[in-house]
N, C-alpha and C. Protein backbone atom coordinates (compact mmCIF):
# COMPACT_ATOMS: atom_id res chain seq x y z
N MET A 1 8.22 -11.66 10.07
CA MET A 1 6.87 -11.49 9.58
C MET A 1 6.07 -12.74 9.94
N GLY A 2 4.86 -12.55 10.43
CA GLY A 2 4.03 -13.67 10.84
C GLY A 2 3.37 -14.36 9.67
N ASP A 3 2.57 -15.37 10.01
CA ASP A 3 1.88 -16.14 8.97
C ASP A 3 0.61 -15.45 8.49
N LYS A 4 0.07 -14.56 9.31
CA LYS A 4 -1.21 -13.93 8.99
C LYS A 4 -1.00 -12.46 8.63
N ILE A 5 -1.63 -12.04 7.54
CA ILE A 5 -1.59 -10.65 7.12
C ILE A 5 -3.00 -10.10 7.22
N GLU A 6 -3.17 -9.01 7.98
CA GLU A 6 -4.48 -8.40 8.19
C GLU A 6 -4.54 -7.06 7.47
N LYS A 7 -5.54 -6.89 6.62
CA LYS A 7 -5.71 -5.61 5.93
C LYS A 7 -6.35 -4.64 6.92
N ILE A 8 -5.69 -3.51 7.15
CA ILE A 8 -6.16 -2.51 8.10
C ILE A 8 -7.02 -1.46 7.40
N SER A 9 -6.56 -1.01 6.22
CA SER A 9 -7.25 0.08 5.54
C SER A 9 -6.95 0.04 4.04
N THR A 10 -7.90 0.52 3.27
CA THR A 10 -7.74 0.66 1.82
C THR A 10 -8.37 1.96 1.38
N VAL A 11 -7.68 2.66 0.48
CA VAL A 11 -8.22 3.90 -0.05
C VAL A 11 -7.86 3.98 -1.54
N THR A 12 -8.76 4.53 -2.32
CA THR A 12 -8.52 4.74 -3.75
C THR A 12 -8.05 6.18 -3.96
N VAL A 13 -6.94 6.33 -4.68
CA VAL A 13 -6.34 7.65 -4.90
C VAL A 13 -6.06 7.86 -6.38
N GLU A 14 -5.85 9.11 -6.76
CA GLU A 14 -5.45 9.43 -8.13
C GLU A 14 -4.06 8.87 -8.40
N SER A 15 -3.87 8.34 -9.56
CA SER A 15 -2.57 7.80 -9.94
C SER A 15 -1.61 8.94 -10.26
N THR A 16 -0.40 8.85 -9.70
CA THR A 16 0.67 9.79 -10.01
C THR A 16 1.95 9.00 -10.26
N PRO A 17 2.85 9.52 -11.06
CA PRO A 17 4.05 8.75 -11.41
C PRO A 17 4.93 8.38 -10.22
N ASP A 18 4.98 9.20 -9.18
CA ASP A 18 5.89 8.96 -8.06
C ASP A 18 5.22 8.33 -6.84
N LEU A 19 3.99 7.91 -6.95
CA LEU A 19 3.27 7.35 -5.80
C LEU A 19 3.96 6.11 -5.24
N TYR A 20 4.55 5.31 -6.10
CA TYR A 20 5.24 4.10 -5.65
C TYR A 20 6.41 4.43 -4.72
N LYS A 21 7.00 5.61 -4.86
CA LYS A 21 8.13 6.01 -4.01
C LYS A 21 7.68 6.19 -2.57
N ILE A 22 6.48 6.71 -2.37
CA ILE A 22 5.95 6.87 -1.03
C ILE A 22 5.71 5.51 -0.39
N VAL A 23 5.11 4.60 -1.15
CA VAL A 23 4.84 3.26 -0.65
C VAL A 23 6.16 2.55 -0.31
N ASP A 24 7.16 2.70 -1.15
CA ASP A 24 8.46 2.09 -0.90
C ASP A 24 9.09 2.65 0.38
N ALA A 25 9.04 3.97 0.57
CA ALA A 25 9.60 4.58 1.77
C ALA A 25 8.86 4.12 3.03
N LEU A 26 7.55 4.01 2.96
CA LEU A 26 6.78 3.52 4.10
C LEU A 26 7.15 2.08 4.43
N ASN A 27 7.27 1.24 3.42
CA ASN A 27 7.63 -0.16 3.64
C ASN A 27 9.02 -0.29 4.26
N ARG A 28 9.97 0.50 3.79
CA ARG A 28 11.34 0.43 4.31
C ARG A 28 11.42 0.93 5.75
N SER A 29 10.69 1.98 6.09
CA SER A 29 10.82 2.57 7.42
C SER A 29 9.92 1.95 8.47
N LEU A 30 8.83 1.30 8.08
CA LEU A 30 7.89 0.78 9.07
C LEU A 30 7.79 -0.75 9.09
N LYS A 31 8.67 -1.44 8.39
CA LYS A 31 8.58 -2.90 8.36
C LYS A 31 8.84 -3.51 9.74
N TYR A 32 9.64 -2.86 10.57
CA TYR A 32 9.92 -3.40 11.90
C TYR A 32 8.79 -3.12 12.88
N ASP A 33 7.81 -2.32 12.48
CA ASP A 33 6.61 -2.08 13.27
C ASP A 33 5.47 -3.00 12.82
N ASP A 34 5.81 -4.03 12.06
CA ASP A 34 4.85 -5.02 11.55
C ASP A 34 3.78 -4.41 10.65
N LEU A 35 4.18 -3.41 9.87
CA LEU A 35 3.27 -2.79 8.91
C LEU A 35 3.81 -3.00 7.50
N MET A 36 2.90 -3.15 6.55
CA MET A 36 3.25 -3.34 5.15
C MET A 36 2.25 -2.52 4.32
N PHE A 37 2.73 -1.94 3.23
CA PHE A 37 1.91 -1.08 2.40
C PHE A 37 1.90 -1.60 0.97
N GLY A 38 0.75 -1.48 0.32
CA GLY A 38 0.62 -1.97 -1.04
C GLY A 38 -0.01 -0.94 -1.95
N LEU A 39 0.28 -1.07 -3.23
CA LEU A 39 -0.26 -0.17 -4.24
C LEU A 39 -0.62 -1.00 -5.46
N ALA A 40 -1.84 -0.85 -5.94
CA ALA A 40 -2.30 -1.63 -7.09
C ALA A 40 -3.13 -0.74 -8.01
N LEU A 41 -3.12 -1.08 -9.28
CA LEU A 41 -3.96 -0.37 -10.24
C LEU A 41 -5.42 -0.71 -9.97
N ASP A 42 -6.29 0.27 -10.09
CA ASP A 42 -7.73 0.04 -9.96
C ASP A 42 -8.23 -0.45 -11.32
N GLU A 43 -8.74 -1.65 -11.35
CA GLU A 43 -9.19 -2.24 -12.62
C GLU A 43 -10.41 -1.53 -13.20
N ASN A 44 -11.17 -0.83 -12.37
CA ASN A 44 -12.39 -0.16 -12.83
C ASN A 44 -12.17 1.27 -13.29
N HIS A 45 -11.04 1.87 -12.90
CA HIS A 45 -10.75 3.27 -13.25
C HIS A 45 -9.29 3.37 -13.63
N GLU A 46 -9.00 3.77 -14.86
CA GLU A 46 -7.62 3.72 -15.35
C GLU A 46 -6.71 4.76 -14.71
N ASN A 47 -7.24 5.84 -14.15
CA ASN A 47 -6.41 6.88 -13.54
C ASN A 47 -6.39 6.80 -12.02
N LYS A 48 -6.78 5.67 -11.46
CA LYS A 48 -6.84 5.51 -10.01
C LYS A 48 -5.97 4.33 -9.57
N MET A 49 -5.52 4.42 -8.32
CA MET A 49 -4.75 3.33 -7.72
C MET A 49 -5.33 3.03 -6.34
N ILE A 50 -5.12 1.81 -5.88
CA ILE A 50 -5.61 1.39 -4.58
C ILE A 50 -4.43 1.26 -3.64
N PHE A 51 -4.44 2.05 -2.58
CA PHE A 51 -3.39 2.05 -1.56
C PHE A 51 -3.92 1.27 -0.36
N SER A 52 -3.16 0.27 0.09
CA SER A 52 -3.60 -0.57 1.20
C SER A 52 -2.54 -0.61 2.31
N ILE A 53 -3.02 -0.73 3.55
CA ILE A 53 -2.16 -0.87 4.72
C ILE A 53 -2.46 -2.22 5.36
N TYR A 54 -1.41 -2.97 5.67
CA TYR A 54 -1.54 -4.29 6.26
C TYR A 54 -0.76 -4.37 7.56
N ARG A 55 -1.24 -5.18 8.49
CA ARG A 55 -0.47 -5.54 9.70
C ARG A 55 0.00 -6.97 9.48
N THR A 56 1.30 -7.18 9.71
CA THR A 56 1.89 -8.50 9.46
C THR A 56 2.22 -9.20 10.77
């Protein structure tokens, strides 16, 4: 992994209990393609999450 992380895309989605499993699967399968995925709670909307894609 390099020193610089570039955010490629961000999207706000509805929160679901298993959403983290998708992010985990993406991170495990695409880490060698220099991609990283993130999931965070949306502070402004309690039922939303922010999904982000990064190039590492």
